[in-house]
């Protein structure tokens, strides 16, 4: 309701799946909205559970330490490369 793009999307997209001949058009639209919300709730809950378990597993495996050393090494190598490029351009 606070994002106008989402409202425009629902106004343009959802009525295609409701049939006025079946009656209670607003109820059909509401039902489609509730189905969309339910699917979104299930999907985002699964994503959150997966992200939580991956975060927990990465803390136990020492991945964080590896990531720090790896990214730090890359930054040092890039800095050294930049230093040699600047020295050769003089």
PDB file of N, CA and C in Angstrom:
ATOM      1  N   UNK A   1       0.821  -1.188   0.000  1.00  0.00           N
ATOM      2  CA  UNK A   1       0.000   0.000   0.000  1.00  0.00           C
ATOM      3  C   UNK A   1       0.870   1.259   0.000  1.00  0.00           C
ATOM      4  N   UNK A   2       2.077   1.165   0.534  1.00  0.00           N
ATOM      5  CA  UNK A   2       2.940   2.340   0.595  1.00  0.00           C
ATOM      6  C   UNK A   2       3.822   2.481  -0.648  1.00  0.00           C
ATOM      7  N   UNK A   3       3.902   1.436  -1.440  1.00  0.00           N
ATOM      8  CA  UNK A   3       4.718   1.474  -2.641  1.00  0.00           C
ATOM      9  C   UNK A   3       3.796   1.601  -3.856  1.00  0.00           C
ATOM     10  N   UNK A   4       3.775   2.741  -4.528  1.00  0.00           N
ATOM     11  CA  UNK A   4       2.845   2.923  -5.655  1.00  0.00           C
ATOM     12  C   UNK A   4       3.117   1.977  -6.823  1.00  0.00           C
ATOM     13  N   UNK A   5       4.377   1.545  -7.010  1.00  0.00           N
ATOM     14  CA  UNK A   5       4.676   0.630  -8.102  1.00  0.00           C
ATOM     15  C   UNK A   5       3.981  -0.714  -7.898  1.00  0.00           C
ATOM     16  N   UNK A   6       3.936  -1.169  -6.664  1.00  0.00           N
ATOM     17  CA  UNK A   6       3.268  -2.434  -6.371  1.00  0.00           C
ATOM     18  C   UNK A   6       1.768  -2.293  -6.607  1.00  0.00           C
ATOM     19  N   UNK A   7       1.199  -1.179  -6.207  1.00  0.00           N
ATOM     20  CA  UNK A   7      -0.232  -0.957  -6.416  1.00  0.00           C
ATOM     21  C   UNK A   7      -0.562  -0.937  -7.901  1.00  0.00           C
ATOM     22  N   UNK A   8       0.256  -0.274  -8.705  1.00  0.00           N
ATOM     23  CA  UNK A   8       0.023  -0.228 -10.154  1.00  0.00           C
ATOM     24  C   UNK A   8       0.154  -1.629 -10.747  1.00  0.00           C
ATOM     25  N   UNK A   9       1.121  -2.387 -10.275  1.00  0.00           N
ATOM     26  CA  UNK A   9       1.298  -3.756 -10.754  1.00  0.00           C
ATOM     27  C   UNK A   9       0.057  -4.594 -10.464  1.00  0.00           C
ATOM     28  N   UNK A  10      -0.449  -4.524  -9.234  1.00  0.00           N
ATOM     29  CA  UNK A  10      -1.624  -5.314  -8.886  1.00  0.00           C
ATOM     30  C   UNK A  10      -2.862  -4.861  -9.656  1.00  0.00           C
ATOM     31  N   UNK A  11      -3.017  -3.578  -9.852  1.00  0.00           N
ATOM     32  CA  UNK A  11      -4.176  -3.084 -10.592  1.00  0.00           C
ATOM     33  C   UNK A  11      -4.106  -3.539 -12.052  1.00  0.00           C
ATOM     34  N   UNK A  12      -2.910  -3.626 -12.615  1.00  0.00           N
ATOM     35  CA  UNK A  12      -2.763  -4.011 -14.020  1.00  0.00           C
ATOM     36  C   UNK A  12      -2.729  -5.529 -14.215  1.00  0.00           C
ATOM     37  N   UNK A  13      -2.204  -6.263 -13.258  1.00  0.00           N
ATOM     38  CA  UNK A  13      -1.936  -7.683 -13.459  1.00  0.00           C
ATOM     39  C   UNK A  13      -3.012  -8.610 -12.899  1.00  0.00           C
ATOM     40  N   UNK A  14      -3.452  -8.364 -11.694  1.00  0.00           N
ATOM     41  CA  UNK A  14      -4.361  -9.292 -11.007  1.00  0.00           C
ATOM     42  C   UNK A  14      -5.733  -9.406 -11.671  1.00  0.00           C
ATOM     43  N   UNK A  15      -6.364  -8.340 -12.161  1.00  0.00           N
ATOM     44  CA  UNK A  15      -7.700  -8.498 -12.759  1.00  0.00           C
ATOM     45  C   UNK A  15      -7.747  -9.443 -13.961  1.00  0.00           C
ATOM     46  N   UNK A  16      -6.629  -9.726 -14.582  1.00  0.00           N
ATOM     47  CA  UNK A  16      -6.612 -10.655 -15.701  1.00  0.00           C
ATOM     48  C   UNK A  16      -6.993 -12.067 -15.274  1.00  0.00           C
ATOM     49  N   UNK A  17      -6.820 -12.366 -13.994  1.00  0.00           N
ATOM     50  CA  UNK A  17      -7.071 -13.705 -13.490  1.00  0.00           C
ATOM     51  C   UNK A  17      -8.406 -13.831 -12.765  1.00  0.00           C
ATOM     52  N   UNK A  18      -9.174 -12.780 -12.745  1.00  0.00           N
ATOM     53  CA  UNK A  18     -10.510 -12.810 -12.146  1.00  0.00           C
ATOM     54  C   UNK A  18     -11.537 -12.710 -13.269  1.00  0.00           C
ATOM     55  N   UNK A  19     -12.623 -13.450 -13.103  1.00  0.00           N
ATOM     56  CA  UNK A  19     -13.658 -13.484 -14.140  1.00  0.00           C
ATOM     57  C   UNK A  19     -14.950 -12.886 -13.593  1.00  0.00           C
ATOM     58  N   UNK A  20     -15.388 -11.743 -14.118  1.00  0.00           N
ATOM     59  CA  UNK A  20     -16.618 -11.124 -13.617  1.00  0.00           C
ATOM     60  C   UNK A  20     -17.854 -12.012 -13.812  1.00  0.00           C
ATOM     61  N   UNK A  21     -17.817 -12.935 -14.767  1.00  0.00           N
ATOM     62  CA  UNK A  21     -18.950 -13.822 -15.012  1.00  0.00           C
ATOM     63  C   UNK A  21     -19.203 -14.779 -13.855  1.00  0.00           C
ATOM     64  N   UNK A  22     -18.156 -15.054 -13.087  1.00  0.00           N
ATOM     65  CA  UNK A  22     -18.305 -15.961 -11.954  1.00  0.00           C
ATOM     66  C   UNK A  22     -18.897 -15.267 -10.735  1.00  0.00           C
ATOM     67  N   UNK A  23     -19.047 -13.939 -10.800  1.00  0.00           N
ATOM     68  CA  UNK A  23     -19.632 -13.180  -9.697  1.00  0.00           C
ATOM     69  C   UNK A  23     -18.614 -12.822  -8.630  1.00  0.00           C
ATOM     70  N   UNK A  24     -19.004 -11.882  -7.788  1.00  0.00           N
ATOM     71  CA  UNK A  24     -18.170 -11.419  -6.664  1.00  0.00           C
ATOM     72  C   UNK A  24     -16.740 -11.102  -7.096  1.00  0.00           C
ATOM     73  N   UNK A  25     -16.626 -10.200  -8.028  1.00  0.00           N
ATOM     74  CA  UNK A  25     -15.328  -9.810  -8.565  1.00  0.00           C
ATOM     75  C   UNK A  25     -14.380  -9.295  -7.481  1.00  0.00           C
ATOM     76  N   UNK A  26     -14.835  -8.407  -6.559  1.00  0.00           N
ATOM     77  CA  UNK A  26     -13.919  -7.955  -5.498  1.00  0.00           C
ATOM     78  C   UNK A  26     -13.434  -9.101  -4.606  1.00  0.00           C
ATOM     79  N   UNK A  27     -14.299 -10.090  -4.376  1.00  0.00           N
ATOM     80  CA  UNK A  27     -13.893 -11.234  -3.566  1.00  0.00           C
ATOM     81  C   UNK A  27     -12.827 -12.059  -4.290  1.00  0.00           C
ATOM     82  N   UNK A  28     -12.961 -12.184  -5.586  1.00  0.00           N
ATOM     83  CA  UNK A  28     -11.945 -12.899  -6.366  1.00  0.00           C
ATOM     84  C   UNK A  28     -10.595 -12.184  -6.294  1.00  0.00           C
ATOM     85  N   UNK A  29     -10.646 -10.873  -6.424  1.00  0.00           N
ATOM     86  CA  UNK A  29      -9.404 -10.079  -6.341  1.00  0.00           C
ATOM     87  C   UNK A  29      -8.776 -10.221  -4.961  1.00  0.00           C
ATOM     88  N   UNK A  30      -9.595 -10.155  -3.921  1.00  0.00           N
ATOM     89  CA  UNK A  30      -9.087 -10.305  -2.553  1.00  0.00           C
ATOM     90  C   UNK A  30      -8.486 -11.685  -2.349  1.00  0.00           C
ATOM     91  N   UNK A  31      -9.142 -12.718  -2.867  1.00  0.00           N
ATOM     92  CA  UNK A  31      -8.630 -14.073  -2.737  1.00  0.00           C
ATOM     93  C   UNK A  31      -7.286 -14.225  -3.440  1.00  0.00           C
ATOM     94  N   UNK A  32      -7.169 -13.674  -4.626  1.00  0.00           N
ATOM     95  CA  UNK A  32      -5.883 -13.705  -5.329  1.00  0.00           C
ATOM     96  C   UNK A  32      -4.795 -12.964  -4.546  1.00  0.00           C
ATOM     97  N   UNK A  33      -5.171 -11.854  -3.927  1.00  0.00           N
ATOM     98  CA  UNK A  33      -4.209 -11.121  -3.097  1.00  0.00           C
ATOM     99  C   UNK A  33      -3.768 -11.933  -1.892  1.00  0.00           C
ATOM    100  N   UNK A  34      -4.707 -12.632  -1.244  1.00  0.00           N
ATOM    101  CA  UNK A  34      -4.356 -13.467  -0.089  1.00  0.00           C
ATOM    102  C   UNK A  34      -3.488 -14.654  -0.504  1.00  0.00           C
ATOM    103  N   UNK A  35      -3.769 -15.218  -1.665  1.00  0.00           N
ATOM    104  CA  UNK A  35      -2.929 -16.311  -2.162  1.00  0.00           C
ATOM    105  C   UNK A  35      -1.511 -15.806  -2.417  1.00  0.00           C
ATOM    106  N   UNK A  36      -1.403 -14.635  -3.018  1.00  0.00           N
ATOM    107  CA  UNK A  36      -0.079 -14.046  -3.270  1.00  0.00           C
ATOM    108  C   UNK A  36       0.663 -13.790  -1.961  1.00  0.00           C
ATOM    109  N   UNK A  37      -0.032 -13.262  -0.979  1.00  0.00           N
ATOM    110  CA  UNK A  37       0.595 -13.011   0.322  1.00  0.00           C
ATOM    111  C   UNK A  37       1.034 -14.311   0.991  1.00  0.00           C
ATOM    112  N   UNK A  38       0.215 -15.345   0.878  1.00  0.00           N
ATOM    113  CA  UNK A  38       0.568 -16.632   1.474  1.00  0.00           C
ATOM    114  C   UNK A  38       1.799 -17.246   0.839  1.00  0.00           C
ATOM    115  N   UNK A  39       1.848 -17.204  -0.496  1.00  0.00           N
ATOM    116  CA  UNK A  39       3.016 -17.736  -1.195  1.00  0.00           C
ATOM    117  C   UNK A  39       4.255 -16.925  -0.828  1.00  0.00           C
ATOM    118  N   UNK A  40       4.117 -15.604  -0.771  1.00  0.00           N
ATOM    119  CA  UNK A  40       5.246 -14.752  -0.381  1.00  0.00           C
ATOM    120  C   UNK A  40       5.718 -15.039   1.030  1.00  0.00           C
ATOM    121  N   UNK A  41       4.780 -15.268   1.946  1.00  0.00           N
ATOM    122  CA  UNK A  41       5.142 -15.577   3.330  1.00  0.00           C
ATOM    123  C   UNK A  41       5.912 -16.889   3.418  1.00  0.00           C
ATOM    124  N   UNK A  42       5.442 -17.906   2.719  1.00  0.00           N
ATOM    125  CA  UNK A  42       6.126 -19.203   2.741  1.00  0.00           C
ATOM    126  C   UNK A  42       7.515 -19.083   2.127  1.00  0.00           C
ATOM    127  N   UNK A  43       7.614 -18.436   0.973  1.00  0.00           N
ATOM    128  CA  UNK A  43       8.896 -18.309   0.288  1.00  0.00           C
ATOM    129  C   UNK A  43       9.905 -17.524   1.129  1.00  0.00           C
ATOM    130  N   UNK A  44       9.495 -16.373   1.641  1.00  0.00           N
ATOM    131  CA  UNK A  44      10.435 -15.556   2.417  1.00  0.00           C
ATOM    132  C   UNK A  44      10.806 -16.227   3.736  1.00  0.00           C
ATOM    133  N   UNK A  45       9.904 -17.016   4.302  1.00  0.00           N
ATOM    134  CA  UNK A  45      10.240 -17.776   5.510  1.00  0.00           C
ATOM    135  C   UNK A  45      11.301 -18.828   5.205  1.00  0.00           C
ATOM    136  N   UNK A  46      11.160 -19.505   4.069  1.00  0.00           N
ATOM    137  CA  UNK A  46      12.177 -20.489   3.677  1.00  0.00           C
ATOM    138  C   UNK A  46      13.525 -19.827   3.423  1.00  0.00           C
ATOM    139  N   UNK A  47      13.515 -18.682   2.766  1.00  0.00           N
ATOM    140  CA  UNK A  47      14.767 -17.959   2.508  1.00  0.00           C
ATOM    141  C   UNK A  47      15.419 -17.537   3.823  1.00  0.00           C
ATOM    142  N   UNK A  48      14.612 -17.052   4.774  1.00  0.00           N
ATOM    143  CA  UNK A  48      15.159 -16.627   6.065  1.00  0.00           C
ATOM    144  C   UNK A  48      15.736 -17.808   6.836  1.00  0.00           C
ATOM    145  N   UNK A  49      15.047 -18.942   6.816  1.00  0.00           N
ATOM    146  CA  UNK A  49      15.567 -20.131   7.506  1.00  0.00           C
ATOM    147  C   UNK A  49      16.862 -20.618   6.871  1.00  0.00           C
ATOM    148  N   UNK A  50      16.913 -20.629   5.554  1.00  0.00           N
ATOM    149  CA  UNK A  50      18.122 -21.050   4.857  1.00  0.00           C
ATOM    150  C   UNK A  50      19.279 -20.097   5.147  1.00  0.00           C
ATOM    151  N   UNK A  51      19.019 -18.797   5.113  1.00  0.00           N
ATOM    152  CA  UNK A  51      20.076 -17.817   5.396  1.00  0.00           C
ATOM    153  C   UNK A  51      20.576 -17.956   6.828  1.00  0.00           C
ATOM    154  N   UNK A  52      19.662 -18.208   7.764  1.00  0.00           N
ATOM    155  CA  UNK A  52      20.073 -18.391   9.153  1.00  0.00           C
ATOM    156  C   UNK A  52      20.926 -19.621   9.337  1.00  0.00           C
ATOM    157  N   UNK A  53      20.551 -20.724   8.694  1.00  0.00           N
ATOM    158  CA  UNK A  53      21.342 -21.940   8.838  1.00  0.00           C
ATOM    159  C   UNK A  53      22.690 -21.811   8.142  1.00  0.00           C
ATOM    160  N   UNK A  54      22.735 -21.112   7.002  1.00  0.00           N
ATOM    161  CA  UNK A  54      24.018 -20.887   6.336  1.00  0.00           C
ATOM    162  C   UNK A  54      24.931 -19.996   7.166  1.00  0.00           C
ATOM    163  N   UNK A  55      24.358 -18.981   7.804  1.00  0.00           N
ATOM    164  CA  UNK A  55      25.161 -18.108   8.662  1.00  0.00           C
ATOM    165  C   UNK A  55      25.720 -18.889   9.847  1.00  0.00           C
ATOM    166  N   UNK A  56      24.897 -19.736  10.417  1.00  0.00           N
ATOM    167  CA  UNK A  56      25.347 -20.542  11.553  1.00  0.00           C
ATOM    168  C   UNK A  56      26.449 -21.510  11.118  1.00  0.00           C
ATOM    169  N   UNK A  57      26.276 -22.141   9.960  1.00  0.00           N
ATOM    170  CA  UNK A  57      27.273 -23.083   9.458  1.00  0.00           C
ATOM    171  C   UNK A  57      28.578 -22.375   9.111  1.00  0.00           C
ATOM    172  N   UNK A  58      28.497 -21.169   8.561  1.00  0.00           N
ATOM    173  CA  UNK A  58      29.724 -20.458   8.200  1.00  0.00           C
ATOM    174  C   UNK A  58      30.496 -19.996   9.427  1.00  0.00           C
ATOM    175  N   UNK A  59      29.805 -19.731  10.524  1.00  0.00           N
ATOM    176  CA  UNK A  59      30.499 -19.354  11.758  1.00  0.00           C
ATOM    177  C   UNK A  59      31.263 -20.540  12.333  1.00  0.00           C
ATOM    178  N   UNK A  60      30.685 -21.733  12.219  1.00  0.00           N
ATOM    179  CA  UNK A  60      31.326 -22.924  12.768  1.00  0.00           C
ATOM    180  C   UNK A  60      32.496 -23.390  11.905  1.00  0.00           C
ATOM    181  N   UNK A  61      32.458 -23.157  10.617  1.00  0.00           N
ATOM    182  CA  UNK A  61      33.456 -23.740   9.725  1.00  0.00           C
ATOM    183  C   UNK A  61      34.725 -22.894   9.580  1.00  0.00           C
ATOM    184  N   UNK A  62      34.759 -21.717  10.110  1.00  0.00           N
ATOM    185  CA  UNK A  62      35.926 -20.862   9.951  1.00  0.00           C
ATOM    186  C   UNK A  62      35.944 -20.129   8.624  1.00  0.00           C
ATOM    187  N   UNK A  63      34.824 -20.109   7.941  1.00  0.00           N
ATOM    188  CA  UNK A  63      34.739 -19.430   6.654  1.00  0.00           C
ATOM    189  C   UNK A  63      34.994 -17.937   6.800  1.00  0.00           C
ATOM    190  N   UNK A  64      34.551 -17.379   7.927  1.00  0.00           N
ATOM    191  CA  UNK A  64      34.723 -15.936   8.138  1.00  0.00           C
ATOM    192  C   UNK A  64      36.198 -15.568   8.173  1.00  0.00           C
ATOM    193  N   UNK A  65      37.013 -16.394   8.826  1.00  0.00           N
ATOM    194  CA  UNK A  65      38.454 -16.135   8.885  1.00  0.00           C
ATOM    195  C   UNK A  65      39.069 -16.236   7.498  1.00  0.00           C
ATOM    196  N   UNK A  66      38.683 -17.278   6.757  1.00  0.00           N
ATOM    197  CA  UNK A  66      39.177 -17.424   5.383  1.00  0.00           C
ATOM    198  C   UNK A  66      38.787 -16.233   4.523  1.00  0.00           C
ATOM    199  N   UNK A  67      37.549 -15.796   4.671  1.00  0.00           N
ATOM    200  CA  UNK A  67      37.056 -14.677   3.866  1.00  0.00           C
ATOM    201  C   UNK A  67      37.840 -13.404   4.191  1.00  0.00           C
ATOM    202  N   UNK A  68      38.129 -13.170   5.454  1.00  0.00           N
ATOM    203  CA  UNK A  68      38.917 -11.980   5.825  1.00  0.00           C
ATOM    204  C   UNK A  68      40.316 -12.022   5.217  1.00  0.00           C
ATOM    205  N   UNK A  69      40.985 -13.168   5.352  1.00  0.00           N
ATOM    206  CA  UNK A  69      42.334 -13.293   4.810  1.00  0.00           C
ATOM    207  C   UNK A  69      42.332 -13.184   3.286  1.00  0.00           C
ATOM    208  N   UNK A  70      41.373 -13.839   2.643  1.00  0.00           N
ATOM    209  CA  UNK A  70      41.312 -13.818   1.184  1.00  0.00           C
ATOM    210  C   UNK A  70      41.044 -12.413   0.661  1.00  0.00           C
ATOM    211  N   UNK A  71      40.034 -11.742   1.205  1.00  0.00           N
ATOM    212  CA  UNK A  71      39.712 -10.400   0.727  1.00  0.00           C
ATOM    213  C   UNK A  71      40.830  -9.415   1.060  1.00  0.00           C
ATOM    214  N   UNK A  72      41.454  -9.567   2.211  1.00  0.00           N
ATOM    215  CA  UNK A  72      42.585  -8.707   2.558  1.00  0.00           C
ATOM    216  C   UNK A  72      43.752  -8.912   1.610  1.00  0.00           C
ATOM    217  N   UNK A  73      44.013 -10.170   1.261  1.00  0.00           N
ATOM    218  CA  UNK A  73      45.104 -10.463   0.322  1.00  0.00           C
ATOM    219  C   UNK A  73      44.834  -9.870  -1.048  1.00  0.00           C
ATOM    220  N   UNK A  74      43.611  -9.974  -1.496  1.00  0.00           N
ATOM    221  CA  UNK A  74      43.247  -9.394  -2.789  1.00  0.00           C
ATOM    222  C   UNK A  74      43.451  -7.880  -2.775  1.00  0.00           C
ATOM    223  N   UNK A  75      43.040  -7.231  -1.691  1.00  0.00           N
ATOM    224  CA  UNK A  75      43.209  -5.776  -1.606  1.00  0.00           C
ATOM    225  C   UNK A  75      44.683  -5.381  -1.580  1.00  0.00           C
ATOM    226  N   UNK A  76      45.516  -6.155  -0.879  1.00  0.00           N
ATOM    227  CA  UNK A  76      46.950  -5.865  -0.840  1.00  0.00           C
ATOM    228  C   UNK A  76      47.560  -6.057  -2.236  1.00  0.00           C
ATOM    229  N   UNK A  77      47.163  -7.130  -2.925  1.00  0.00           N
ATOM    230  CA  UNK A  77      47.669  -7.361  -4.282  1.00  0.00           C
ATOM    231  C   UNK A  77      47.233  -6.253  -5.238  1.00  0.00           C
ATOM    232  N   UNK A  78      45.987  -5.831  -5.149  1.00  0.00           N
ATOM    233  CA  UNK A  78      45.523  -4.734  -6.002  1.00  0.00           C
ATOM    234  C   UNK A  78      46.254  -3.431  -5.685  1.00  0.00           C
ATOM    235  N   UNK A  79      46.509  -3.183  -4.411  1.00  0.00           N
ATOM    236  CA  UNK A  79      47.276  -2.000  -4.037  1.00  0.00           C
ATOM    237  C   UNK A  79      48.693  -2.053  -4.570  1.00  0.00           C
ATOM    238  N   UNK A  80      49.319  -3.223  -4.503  1.00  0.00           N
ATOM    239  CA  UNK A  80      50.667  -3.387  -5.053  1.00  0.00           C
ATOM    240  C   UNK A  80      50.686  -3.194  -6.559  1.00  0.00           C
ATOM    241  N   UNK A  81      49.679  -3.719  -7.229  1.00  0.00           N
ATOM    242  CA  UNK A  81      49.573  -3.541  -8.677  1.00  0.00           C
ATOM    243  C   UNK A  81      49.402  -2.070  -9.039  1.00  0.00           C
ATOM    244  N   UNK A  82      48.567  -1.371  -8.286  1.00  0.00           N
ATOM    245  CA  UNK A  82      48.365   0.050  -8.520  1.00  0.00           C
ATOM    246  C   UNK A  82      49.651   0.826  -8.283  1.00  0.00           C
ATOM    247  N   UNK A  83      50.389   0.442  -7.260  1.00  0.00           N
ATOM    248  CA  UNK A  83      51.664   1.101  -6.961  1.00  0.00           C
ATOM    249  C   UNK A  83      52.661   0.884  -8.096  1.00  0.00           C
ATOM    250  N   UNK A  84      52.730  -0.336  -8.634  1.00  0.00           N
ATOM    251  CA  UNK A  84      53.671  -0.586  -9.733  1.00  0.00           C
ATOM    252  C   UNK A  84      53.233   0.104 -11.015  1.00  0.00           C
ATOM    253  N   UNK A  85      51.939   0.224 -11.245  1.00  0.00           N
ATOM    254  CA  UNK A  85      51.476   0.951 -12.429  1.00  0.00           C
ATOM    255  C   UNK A  85      51.806   2.429 -12.342  1.00  0.00           C
ATOM    256  N   UNK A  86      51.641   3.006 -11.154  1.00  0.00           N
ATOM    257  CA  UNK A  86      51.952   4.419 -10.990  1.00  0.00           C
ATOM    258  C   UNK A  86      53.436   4.666 -11.085  1.00  0.00           C
ATOM    259  N   UNK A  87      54.257   3.733 -10.600  1.00  0.00           N
ATOM    260  CA  UNK A  87      55.707   3.891 -10.670  1.00  0.00           C
ATOM    261  C   UNK A  87      56.193   3.789 -12.125  1.00  0.00           C
ATOM    262  N   UNK A  88      55.549   2.923 -12.902  1.00  0.00           N
ATOM    263  CA  UNK A  88      55.984   2.768 -14.296  1.00  0.00           C
ATOM    264  C   UNK A  88      55.503   3.911 -15.197  1.00  0.00           C
ATOM    265  N   UNK A  89      54.496   4.644 -14.783  1.00  0.00           N
ATOM    266  CA  UNK A  89      53.983   5.763 -15.576  1.00  0.00           C
ATOM    267  C   UNK A  89      54.775   7.046 -15.362  1.00  0.00           C
ATOM    268  N   UNK A  90      55.665   7.086 -14.416  1.00  0.00           N
ATOM    269  CA  UNK A  90      56.403   8.315 -14.127  1.00  0.00           C
ATOM    270  C   UNK A  90      57.542   8.505 -15.048  1.00  0.00           C
TER     271      UNK A  90
END
